[in-house]
């Protein structure tokens, strides 16, 4: 590739990614050359500044026409720009949450924490814009490898080391399975570019190689199902969440999970969404949707059911996260016209309510040095404000009206019901799973409002934690009461018609 060819690319489309890359590089050099006495905790502000600048570049790109650069391996379209907003916002709040982690007395972070977070974010952003299996896989590993390190970043903690080991083993298995599925796709089509794969695969599904296409679909989905923690590939999740430092757990629960759904949507909608299926008058994705529907149903039921028996709060939120992965699969199964909108809105709602809950949890763990459910005992008497905030987040996680979680679930319900034919069974299972979740969410309410306080000391909130709580509570309430503030922005600036015209009925 010569210089003239390089200069012809519209590099401004990658301004958000370049910003994150430059800031991560600067932080790594500062960490290398600054004296050990310098407090690396301040790196958080530089990292958040880089994310804010990247966010500004992303806003400036709204309304830009879809285009491809780097020989059709990088795609700029409404899909990529909308989900990058989720990744950037979630990582910003995680960094804000992590800034006070050293003050909490749980062991501070060294400088590498902050640029590892940014590298993982960059991997997720690359996945959102990838139009090639190779760049998709590179982005996936850019997200996964820093996540393994972050899970075990507290080297003197046995639990952190154990979580990192389990994460690496399970992550390595899922990566191998995903790559095996990609190899089937490449072998069948002779290309790694998603648009070329879709064209070539449409002929294969109508030939004797149809069985290999089904195998490629199943293997690839199983590999990626590890990333979003669906049943039966979820067993690593509670152990990794429990052993990782709280901000890392929050990052894995929100940003990493969102990136997992991004790659699933990009791969399966681009490749299998528009080609002929096994039966007449349906796409290949519609032919295989029963498989994903079963996984979604089992994930919702098993995630919420196992959560009923949990006393460790990180494990409880881990199983809650598994159940929410099932909820997010419902619009993907329904294949409704509002599926992208439903998933995007729910990811933002989930980001606010989950990060807010982890912020409260971090404060209580710091004070009590325990992760047991009993740390919430008498919270309303010790800190009424903190108890009310946690109530808001739990009500949203449960899907109670007036919160963002309720609107998110309502959008998913409506999208699934008004498809033709309606997915009544899947909606019924989602309703049952939601009702089951009320038991363990409301169990926390009982601890906060009706149990005697085991800890009588007053709770002091670091400024960064207070900022996270205020932002998350405001987002949860505003999106619950005035969801149009976000949905109007979505319809005004983000148009998926070009991307999904041939994919959704």
Protein backbone atom coordinates (compact mmCIF):
# COMPACT_ATOMS: atom_id res chain seq x y z
CA UNK A 1 0.00 0.00 0.00
CA UNK A 2 1.59 3.30 -1.11
CA UNK A 3 1.33 6.72 0.49
CA UNK A 4 -1.12 8.06 -2.08
CA UNK A 5 -3.54 5.23 -1.32
CA UNK A 6 -3.26 5.86 2.41
CA UNK A 7 -3.99 9.57 1.97
CA UNK A 8 -7.11 8.83 -0.02
CA UNK A 9 -8.86 7.26 2.96
CA UNK A 10 -11.24 9.43 4.96
CA UNK A 11 -9.31 9.08 8.21
CA UNK A 12 -11.55 11.59 10.00
CA UNK A 13 -14.12 8.80 10.34
CA UNK A 14 -11.76 7.11 12.79
CA UNK A 15 -11.19 10.23 14.91
CA UNK A 16 -12.90 8.71 18.00
CA UNK A 17 -10.71 5.59 17.78
CA UNK A 18 -7.51 7.57 17.19
CA UNK A 19 -8.29 9.72 20.22
CA UNK A 20 -8.60 6.70 22.49
CA UNK A 21 -5.44 5.15 21.01
CA UNK A 22 -3.39 8.32 21.52
CA UNK A 23 -4.55 8.82 25.10
CA UNK A 24 -3.86 5.15 25.95
CA UNK A 25 -0.36 5.47 24.47
CA UNK A 26 0.32 8.69 26.40
CA UNK A 27 -0.82 7.08 29.65
CA UNK A 28 1.40 4.05 29.09
CA UNK A 29 4.43 6.29 28.48
CA UNK A 30 3.65 8.43 31.52
CA UNK A 31 3.33 5.31 33.65
CA UNK A 32 6.68 4.08 32.35
CA UNK A 33 8.71 7.25 32.90
CA UNK A 34 7.10 8.96 35.90
CA UNK A 35 8.60 8.32 39.33
CA UNK A 36 6.93 5.70 41.49
CA UNK A 37 5.98 8.38 44.03
CA UNK A 38 3.63 10.05 41.53
CA UNK A 39 -0.01 9.15 42.21
CA UNK A 40 -1.28 7.20 39.20
CA UNK A 41 -4.83 7.75 40.38
CA UNK A 42 -4.81 11.05 38.51
CA UNK A 43 -4.51 9.12 35.24
CA UNK A 44 -8.26 8.61 35.51
CA UNK A 45 -8.90 12.27 34.67
CA UNK A 46 -6.73 12.13 31.55
CA UNK A 47 -8.45 8.92 30.47
CA UNK A 48 -11.89 10.47 31.02
CA UNK A 49 -10.77 13.57 29.12
CA UNK A 50 -9.82 11.37 26.17
CA UNK A 51 -13.21 9.66 26.25
CA UNK A 52 -14.96 13.03 26.41
CA UNK A 53 -13.00 14.26 23.37
CA UNK A 54 -13.81 11.04 21.51
CA UNK A 55 -17.46 11.58 22.41
CA UNK A 56 -17.29 15.07 20.89
CA UNK A 57 -15.83 13.68 17.65
CA UNK A 58 -18.61 11.09 17.57
CA UNK A 59 -21.27 13.77 17.98
CA UNK A 60 -19.75 15.74 15.11
CA UNK A 61 -20.14 12.68 12.87
CA UNK A 62 -23.91 12.47 13.33
CA UNK A 63 -25.63 12.75 9.98
CA UNK A 64 -22.54 11.73 8.02
CA UNK A 65 -23.37 9.32 5.20
CA UNK A 66 -22.35 5.68 5.57
CA UNK A 67 -18.99 4.83 4.04
CA UNK A 68 -16.24 2.21 4.01
CA UNK A 69 -12.48 2.72 4.29
CA UNK A 70 -9.37 0.54 4.60
CA UNK A 71 -10.43 -1.66 1.67
CA UNK A 72 -13.93 -2.20 3.07
CA UNK A 73 -12.71 -3.49 6.45
CA UNK A 74 -13.86 -0.44 8.44
CA UNK A 75 -17.50 0.56 8.14
CA UNK A 76 -18.95 3.86 9.31
CA UNK A 77 -22.73 3.59 9.55
CA UNK A 78 -25.63 4.31 11.94
CA UNK A 79 -25.10 0.97 13.67
CA UNK A 80 -21.49 1.73 14.61
CA UNK A 81 -22.00 5.31 15.71
CA UNK A 82 -25.01 4.51 17.92
CA UNK A 83 -23.38 1.67 19.82
CA UNK A 84 -20.11 3.56 20.23
CA UNK A 85 -22.08 6.05 22.32
CA UNK A 86 -22.96 3.22 24.72
CA UNK A 87 -19.35 2.00 24.93
CA UNK A 88 -17.91 5.47 25.54
CA UNK A 89 -20.50 6.47 28.14
CA UNK A 90 -20.17 3.18 30.03
CA UNK A 91 -16.37 3.33 30.13
CA UNK A 92 -16.44 6.97 31.28
CA UNK A 93 -18.64 6.06 34.25
CA UNK A 94 -16.47 3.03 35.10
CA UNK A 95 -13.38 5.25 35.18
CA UNK A 96 -15.19 7.71 37.41
CA UNK A 97 -16.18 4.81 39.65
CA UNK A 98 -12.61 3.51 39.78
CA UNK A 99 -11.07 6.87 40.74
CA UNK A 100 -12.08 6.45 44.39
CA UNK A 101 -11.19 2.78 44.60
CA UNK A 102 -7.87 3.45 46.34
CA UNK A 103 -9.56 5.79 48.79
CA UNK A 104 -11.96 3.00 49.64
CA UNK A 105 -9.12 1.02 51.19
CA UNK A 106 -9.58 -1.98 48.90
CA UNK A 107 -6.17 -1.68 47.26
CA UNK A 108 -5.42 0.97 44.69
CA UNK A 109 -4.69 0.58 41.00
CA UNK A 110 -1.40 1.13 39.29
CA UNK A 111 -1.19 3.18 36.11
CA UNK A 112 -1.74 0.25 33.78
CA UNK A 113 -5.36 -0.06 34.88
CA UNK A 114 -6.37 3.07 33.01
CA UNK A 115 -4.75 2.39 29.66
CA UNK A 116 -5.87 -1.24 29.76
CA UNK A 117 -9.44 0.01 30.13
CA UNK A 118 -8.94 2.30 27.13
CA UNK A 119 -7.45 -0.48 25.01
CA UNK A 120 -10.44 -2.69 25.84
CA UNK A 121 -12.75 0.18 24.90
CA UNK A 122 -10.88 0.61 21.61
CA UNK A 123 -11.41 -3.07 20.86
CA UNK A 124 -15.16 -2.69 21.39
CA UNK A 125 -15.26 0.39 19.15
CA UNK A 126 -13.37 -1.46 16.41
CA UNK A 127 -15.88 -4.32 16.60
CA UNK A 128 -18.73 -1.85 16.13
CA UNK A 129 -17.20 -0.61 12.86
CA UNK A 130 -15.64 -3.80 11.55
CA UNK A 131 -16.81 -5.08 8.18
CA UNK A 132 -14.35 -7.95 8.00
CA UNK A 133 -13.93 -11.14 10.05
CA UNK A 134 -10.24 -10.42 10.66
CA UNK A 135 -10.78 -6.94 12.07
CA UNK A 136 -13.74 -8.24 14.06
CA UNK A 137 -11.52 -10.88 15.63
CA UNK A 138 -8.73 -8.38 16.32
CA UNK A 139 -11.20 -6.05 18.01
CA UNK A 140 -12.58 -8.95 20.03
CA UNK A 141 -9.12 -9.85 21.30
CA UNK A 142 -8.28 -6.20 22.01
CA UNK A 143 -11.26 -6.24 24.34
CA UNK A 144 -10.68 -9.70 25.81
CA UNK A 145 -6.95 -9.68 26.64
CA UNK A 146 -6.99 -6.44 28.70
CA UNK A 147 -10.12 -7.76 30.45
CA UNK A 148 -8.22 -10.88 31.55
CA UNK A 149 -5.48 -8.69 33.01
CA UNK A 150 -7.96 -6.36 34.70
CA UNK A 151 -9.72 -9.28 36.39
CA UNK A 152 -6.44 -10.27 38.04
CA UNK A 153 -4.94 -6.83 38.48
CA UNK A 154 -4.79 -7.21 42.27
CA UNK A 155 -1.85 -9.60 42.25
CA UNK A 156 -1.86 -10.16 46.01
CA UNK A 157 -5.53 -11.15 46.06
CA UNK A 158 -6.17 -14.88 45.76
CA UNK A 159 -9.74 -14.30 44.59
CA UNK A 160 -8.59 -11.88 41.90
CA UNK A 161 -6.00 -14.37 40.66
CA UNK A 162 -8.58 -17.13 40.61
CA UNK A 163 -11.06 -15.02 38.65
CA UNK A 164 -8.39 -14.10 36.09
CA UNK A 165 -7.42 -17.75 35.64
CA UNK A 166 -11.03 -18.86 35.12
CA UNK A 167 -11.64 -15.94 32.78
CA UNK A 168 -8.58 -16.73 30.65
CA UNK A 169 -9.45 -20.42 30.39
CA UNK A 170 -13.08 -19.84 29.47
CA UNK A 171 -12.23 -16.87 27.29
CA UNK A 172 -9.61 -18.89 25.43
CA UNK A 173 -12.11 -21.69 24.80
CA UNK A 174 -14.73 -19.24 23.52
CA UNK A 175 -12.17 -17.53 21.29
CA UNK A 176 -11.11 -20.87 19.80
CA UNK A 177 -14.73 -21.84 19.11
CA UNK A 178 -15.47 -18.43 17.55
CA UNK A 179 -12.39 -18.67 15.34
CA UNK A 180 -13.41 -22.20 14.34
CA UNK A 181 -16.80 -20.86 13.26
CA UNK A 182 -15.13 -18.04 11.33
CA UNK A 183 -12.95 -20.61 9.55
CA UNK A 184 -16.07 -22.45 8.40
CA UNK A 185 -17.51 -19.20 7.06
CA UNK A 186 -14.27 -18.37 5.25
CA UNK A 187 -13.97 -21.89 3.87
CA UNK A 188 -17.49 -21.76 2.49
CA UNK A 189 -17.26 -18.31 0.93
CA UNK A 190 -13.55 -17.70 0.27
CA UNK A 191 -13.69 -14.21 1.78
CA UNK A 192 -13.42 -12.48 5.14
CA UNK A 193 -15.40 -9.37 4.14
CA UNK A 194 -18.93 -9.48 5.52
CA UNK A 195 -20.68 -8.12 2.42
CA UNK A 196 -18.86 -10.57 0.12
CA UNK A 197 -19.57 -13.43 2.53
CA UNK A 198 -23.30 -12.63 2.46
CA UNK A 199 -23.33 -12.65 -1.35
CA UNK A 200 -21.44 -15.93 -1.67
CA UNK A 201 -23.29 -17.63 1.19
CA UNK A 202 -26.67 -17.01 -0.44
CA UNK A 203 -25.77 -19.51 -3.16
CA UNK A 204 -24.40 -22.08 -0.70
CA UNK A 205 -27.55 -22.25 1.43
CA UNK A 206 -29.46 -23.49 -1.59
CA UNK A 207 -26.94 -26.24 -2.36
CA UNK A 208 -25.67 -29.45 -0.83
CA UNK A 209 -23.39 -27.40 1.45
CA UNK A 210 -26.38 -26.14 3.41
CA UNK A 211 -25.42 -28.34 6.37
CA UNK A 212 -22.00 -26.68 6.56
CA UNK A 213 -23.65 -23.25 6.62
CA UNK A 214 -25.80 -24.38 9.55
CA UNK A 215 -22.69 -25.69 11.29
CA UNK A 216 -20.89 -22.38 10.74
CA UNK A 217 -23.84 -20.48 12.22
CA UNK A 218 -24.11 -22.69 15.31
CA UNK A 219 -20.38 -22.82 16.08
CA UNK A 220 -19.94 -19.06 15.69
CA UNK A 221 -22.95 -18.28 17.85
CA UNK A 222 -21.81 -20.69 20.57
CA UNK A 223 -18.39 -19.04 20.64
CA UNK A 224 -19.87 -15.57 20.95
CA UNK A 225 -22.48 -16.75 23.47
CA UNK A 226 -19.64 -17.12 25.98
CA UNK A 227 -19.02 -13.38 25.68
CA UNK A 228 -22.56 -12.41 26.64
CA UNK A 229 -22.98 -15.17 29.27
CA UNK A 230 -25.98 -17.05 27.93
CA UNK A 231 -27.03 -20.47 29.17
CA UNK A 232 -25.26 -22.91 29.14
CA UNK A 233 -22.09 -20.86 28.63
CA UNK A 234 -22.41 -18.66 31.70
CA UNK A 235 -20.58 -20.63 34.40
CA UNK A 236 -17.50 -18.38 34.38
CA UNK A 237 -19.51 -15.22 35.01
CA UNK A 238 -20.32 -15.38 38.77
CA UNK A 239 -16.79 -16.50 39.68
CA UNK A 240 -15.12 -13.79 37.61
CA UNK A 241 -17.51 -11.09 38.83
CA UNK A 242 -16.98 -12.12 42.45
CA UNK A 243 -13.18 -12.19 42.30
CA UNK A 244 -12.60 -9.07 40.21
CA UNK A 245 -12.31 -5.60 41.78
CA UNK A 246 -15.69 -3.86 41.80
CA UNK A 247 -14.98 -1.34 38.99
CA UNK A 248 -13.68 -4.16 36.81
CA UNK A 249 -16.82 -6.17 37.53
CA UNK A 250 -18.88 -3.14 36.51
CA UNK A 251 -16.87 -2.83 33.27
CA UNK A 252 -17.37 -6.52 32.42
CA UNK A 253 -21.07 -6.34 33.24
CA UNK A 254 -21.80 -3.28 31.10
CA UNK A 255 -19.16 -2.43 28.50
CA UNK A 256 -17.86 -5.91 27.74
CA UNK A 257 -21.38 -7.34 27.54
CA UNK A 258 -22.50 -4.53 25.23
CA UNK A 259 -19.51 -5.24 22.97
CA UNK A 260 -20.49 -8.91 22.88
CA UNK A 261 -23.95 -8.03 21.60
CA UNK A 262 -22.42 -5.63 19.08
CA UNK A 263 -20.33 -8.35 17.44
CA UNK A 264 -23.28 -10.76 17.45
CA UNK A 265 -25.49 -8.23 15.70
CA UNK A 266 -22.79 -7.23 13.24
CA UNK A 267 -21.86 -10.78 12.27
CA UNK A 268 -25.25 -12.47 12.17
CA UNK A 269 -27.27 -9.63 10.72
CA UNK A 270 -24.68 -8.82 8.04
CA UNK A 271 -24.01 -12.42 7.02
CA UNK A 272 -27.16 -14.43 7.72
CA UNK A 273 -29.86 -11.77 7.90
CA UNK A 274 -30.47 -11.27 4.19
CA UNK A 275 -29.78 -14.64 2.56
CA UNK A 276 -32.33 -17.33 1.74
CA UNK A 277 -33.20 -19.73 4.52
CA UNK A 278 -33.77 -23.45 4.76
CA UNK A 279 -37.50 -23.04 4.17
CA UNK A 280 -39.24 -20.90 1.57
CA UNK A 281 -40.04 -17.23 2.20
CA UNK A 282 -37.68 -16.81 5.15
CA UNK A 283 -34.10 -15.74 5.71
CA UNK A 284 -31.41 -18.05 7.00
CA UNK A 285 -31.46 -16.20 10.32
CA UNK A 286 -35.20 -16.79 10.62
CA UNK A 287 -34.62 -20.48 9.95
CA UNK A 288 -32.17 -20.68 12.86
CA UNK A 289 -34.02 -18.40 15.26
CA UNK A 290 -35.58 -21.24 17.25
CA UNK A 291 -32.09 -22.13 18.49
CA UNK A 292 -31.48 -18.59 19.77
CA UNK A 293 -34.99 -18.44 21.21
CA UNK A 294 -34.36 -21.52 23.34
CA UNK A 295 -31.09 -20.05 24.60
CA UNK A 296 -32.80 -16.73 25.42
CA UNK A 297 -35.59 -18.48 27.34
CA UNK A 298 -33.23 -20.68 29.35
CA UNK A 299 -30.96 -17.71 30.08
CA UNK A 300 -33.80 -15.61 31.49
CA UNK A 301 -35.23 -18.41 33.64
CA UNK A 302 -31.99 -19.97 34.91
CA UNK A 303 -30.25 -16.63 35.53
CA UNK A 304 -33.08 -15.33 37.70
CA UNK A 305 -33.72 -18.66 39.43
CA UNK A 306 -30.13 -19.21 40.56
CA UNK A 307 -29.96 -15.58 41.72
CA UNK A 308 -32.61 -16.42 44.34
CA UNK A 309 -30.08 -18.48 46.32
CA UNK A 310 -27.21 -15.97 46.28
CA UNK A 311 -25.94 -14.18 49.37
CA UNK A 312 -22.82 -12.68 47.81
CA UNK A 313 -23.91 -9.45 46.13
CA UNK A 314 -21.45 -9.67 43.25
CA UNK A 315 -22.65 -13.16 42.42
CA UNK A 316 -26.27 -12.01 42.70
CA UNK A 317 -25.63 -9.17 40.25
CA UNK A 318 -23.74 -11.61 38.02
CA UNK A 319 -26.77 -13.87 37.71
CA UNK A 320 -28.93 -10.79 37.24
CA UNK A 321 -26.59 -9.80 34.39
CA UNK A 322 -27.03 -13.25 32.86
CA UNK A 323 -30.82 -12.83 32.96
CA UNK A 324 -30.56 -9.41 31.32
CA UNK A 325 -28.53 -10.98 28.51
CA UNK A 326 -31.57 -13.17 27.91
CA UNK A 327 -33.82 -10.10 27.82
CA UNK A 328 -31.55 -8.49 25.22
CA UNK A 329 -31.75 -11.58 23.03
CA UNK A 330 -35.55 -11.34 22.82
CA UNK A 331 -35.65 -8.53 20.19
CA UNK A 332 -32.94 -10.37 18.26
CA UNK A 333 -35.17 -13.46 18.24
CA UNK A 334 -38.32 -11.48 17.39
CA UNK A 335 -36.70 -9.83 14.34
CA UNK A 336 -39.03 -6.88 14.71
CA UNK A 337 -38.54 -3.53 12.90
CA UNK A 338 -37.79 -1.90 16.26
CA UNK A 339 -35.24 -4.50 17.35
CA UNK A 340 -32.19 -2.25 17.03
CA UNK A 341 -33.98 0.59 18.77
CA UNK A 342 -35.10 -1.71 21.61
CA UNK A 343 -31.64 -3.18 22.15
CA UNK A 344 -29.90 0.20 21.98
CA UNK A 345 -32.29 1.79 24.48
CA UNK A 346 -32.11 -1.19 26.82
CA UNK A 347 -28.30 -1.17 26.78
CA UNK A 348 -28.30 2.48 27.85
CA UNK A 349 -30.91 1.86 30.54
CA UNK A 350 -28.97 -1.20 31.74
CA UNK A 351 -25.77 0.85 31.85
CA UNK A 352 -27.28 3.46 34.17
CA UNK A 353 -29.02 1.08 36.57
CA UNK A 354 -26.18 -1.46 36.76
CA UNK A 355 -23.33 1.01 37.21
CA UNK A 356 -25.38 2.85 39.82
CA UNK A 357 -25.93 -0.39 41.74
CA UNK A 358 -22.22 -1.23 41.59
CA UNK A 359 -21.35 2.27 42.85
CA UNK A 360 -23.53 1.71 45.94
CA UNK A 361 -22.06 -1.75 46.35
CA UNK A 362 -18.51 -0.43 46.22
CA UNK A 363 -19.23 2.05 49.00
CA UNK A 364 -20.77 -0.60 51.26
CA UNK A 365 -18.00 -3.13 50.60
CA UNK A 366 -15.44 -0.52 51.53
CA UNK A 367 -17.15 0.16 54.85
CA UNK A 368 -17.98 -3.40 55.87
CA UNK A 369 -15.19 -5.35 54.11
CA UNK A 370 -17.86 -7.88 53.17
CA UNK A 371 -19.87 -8.68 50.05
CA UNK A 372 -22.69 -10.47 51.84
CA UNK A 373 -26.28 -9.36 51.38
CA UNK A 374 -26.28 -8.25 55.03
CA UNK A 375 -24.21 -5.16 54.18
CA UNK A 376 -27.52 -3.57 53.14
CA UNK A 377 -29.07 -4.15 56.59
CA UNK A 378 -30.49 -0.92 57.97
CA UNK A 379 -29.06 1.16 55.14
CA UNK A 380 -32.03 3.53 55.23
CA UNK A 381 -31.27 4.42 58.86
CA UNK A 382 -27.55 4.87 58.22
CA UNK A 383 -27.77 6.71 54.90
CA UNK A 384 -31.31 7.49 53.66
CA UNK A 385 -30.02 9.08 50.46
CA UNK A 386 -27.93 6.07 49.50
CA UNK A 387 -30.84 3.73 50.25
CA UNK A 388 -33.18 5.77 48.05
CA UNK A 389 -30.66 5.75 45.20
CA UNK A 390 -30.21 1.99 45.47
CA UNK A 391 -34.00 1.67 45.45
CA UNK A 392 -34.15 3.54 42.16
CA UNK A 393 -31.57 1.25 40.57
CA UNK A 394 -33.23 -1.92 41.87
CA UNK A 395 -36.67 -0.80 40.71
CA UNK A 396 -35.21 -0.20 37.26
CA UNK A 397 -33.48 -3.58 37.20
CA UNK A 398 -36.80 -5.18 38.16
CA UNK A 399 -38.65 -3.24 35.45
CA UNK A 400 -41.03 -1.24 37.65
CA UNK A 401 -42.93 1.65 35.93
CA UNK A 402 -41.34 5.07 36.17
CA UNK A 403 -37.83 3.79 35.51
CA UNK A 404 -35.67 3.28 32.43
CA UNK A 405 -35.72 -0.48 32.94
CA UNK A 406 -39.51 -0.54 32.59
CA UNK A 407 -39.45 1.39 29.31
CA UNK A 408 -36.68 -0.87 28.02
CA UNK A 409 -38.63 -4.03 28.83
CA UNK A 410 -41.84 -2.50 27.44
CA UNK A 411 -40.14 -1.77 24.11
CA UNK A 412 -38.92 -5.37 23.98
CA UNK A 413 -42.40 -6.70 24.81
CA UNK A 414 -44.09 -4.60 22.15
CA UNK A 415 -41.50 -5.44 19.52
CA UNK A 416 -41.89 -9.16 20.17
CA UNK A 417 -45.72 -9.10 20.35
CA UNK A 418 -46.35 -7.11 17.19
CA UNK A 419 -44.19 -9.16 14.85
CA UNK A 420 -45.93 -11.56 12.50
CA UNK A 421 -46.38 -14.11 13.92
CA UNK A 422 -46.17 -12.80 17.47
CA UNK A 423 -43.66 -14.34 19.83
CA UNK A 424 -46.18 -14.90 22.61
CA UNK A 425 -44.30 -17.81 24.19
CA UNK A 426 -41.07 -15.85 24.42
CA UNK A 427 -42.85 -12.82 25.89
CA UNK A 428 -44.60 -15.04 28.45
CA UNK A 429 -41.27 -16.53 29.51
CA UNK A 430 -39.80 -13.04 29.82
CA UNK A 431 -42.72 -11.98 32.02
CA UNK A 432 -42.30 -15.04 34.25
CA UNK A 433 -38.54 -14.42 34.53
CA UNK A 434 -39.16 -10.77 35.42
CA UNK A 435 -41.57 -11.76 38.19
CA UNK A 436 -38.99 -14.22 39.56
CA UNK A 437 -36.42 -11.40 39.69
CA UNK A 438 -38.73 -9.40 41.98
CA UNK A 439 -38.04 -11.88 44.77
CA UNK A 440 -34.31 -11.25 45.08
CA UNK A 441 -34.47 -7.55 44.19
CA UNK A 442 -37.14 -6.94 46.82
CA UNK A 443 -35.11 -9.04 49.26
CA UNK A 444 -32.54 -6.24 49.15
CA UNK A 445 -35.32 -3.75 49.92
CA UNK A 446 -36.19 -5.74 53.03
CA UNK A 447 -32.58 -5.56 54.15
CA UNK A 448 -32.37 -1.81 53.57
CA UNK A 449 -35.66 -0.73 55.15
CA UNK A 450 -36.73 -3.43 57.64
CA UNK A 451 -33.57 -5.01 59.03
CA UNK A 452 -31.51 -3.80 61.97
CA UNK A 453 -28.29 -2.06 60.98
CA UNK A 454 -25.22 -4.23 61.60
CA UNK A 455 -22.92 -1.25 60.98
CA UNK A 456 -23.64 2.00 62.80
CA UNK A 457 -20.91 4.18 61.29
CA UNK A 458 -21.95 6.95 58.94
CA UNK A 459 -21.27 6.46 55.25
CA UNK A 460 -19.12 9.03 53.50
CA UNK A 461 -19.26 9.16 49.75
CA UNK A 462 -16.20 10.13 47.68
CA UNK A 463 -16.94 12.87 45.16
CA UNK A 464 -16.40 10.59 42.18
CA UNK A 465 -18.82 8.02 43.58
CA UNK A 466 -21.37 10.75 44.24
CA UNK A 467 -21.03 11.91 40.63
CA UNK A 468 -21.64 8.38 39.32
CA UNK A 469 -24.68 7.98 41.56
CA UNK A 470 -26.19 11.30 40.48
CA UNK A 471 -25.60 10.65 36.77
CA UNK A 472 -26.97 7.11 36.92
CA UNK A 473 -30.00 8.04 39.02
CA UNK A 474 -30.81 10.98 36.76
CA UNK A 475 -30.47 8.83 33.66
CA UNK A 476 -32.64 6.07 35.15
CA UNK A 477 -35.42 8.46 36.14
CA UNK A 478 -35.36 10.69 33.05
CA UNK A 479 -35.43 7.75 30.64
CA UNK A 480 -38.23 6.21 32.71
CA UNK A 481 -40.41 9.30 32.85
CA UNK A 482 -39.40 10.99 29.58
CA UNK A 483 -38.08 8.24 27.30
CA UNK A 484 -38.77 10.43 24.31
CA UNK A 485 -35.72 12.53 25.18
CA UNK A 486 -33.52 9.65 24.01
CA UNK A 487 -35.84 8.03 21.48
CA UNK A 488 -36.38 11.34 19.65
CA UNK A 489 -32.61 11.76 19.42
CA UNK A 490 -32.40 8.22 18.06
CA UNK A 491 -34.99 8.78 15.34
CA UNK A 492 -33.64 12.21 14.44
CA UNK A 493 -29.96 11.33 14.09
CA UNK A 494 -29.75 7.56 13.68
CA UNK A 495 -31.38 5.94 10.66
CA UNK A 496 -30.98 2.19 10.32
CA UNK A 497 -33.00 1.89 7.12
CA UNK A 498 -29.92 1.71 4.93
CA UNK A 499 -28.37 -0.95 7.13
CA UNK A 500 -31.42 -3.08 7.84
CA UNK A 501 -33.64 -2.63 4.81
CA UNK A 502 -33.09 -6.19 3.66
CA UNK A 503 -32.68 -7.69 7.11
CA UNK A 504 -35.83 -6.89 9.06
CA UNK A 505 -39.41 -7.46 8.09
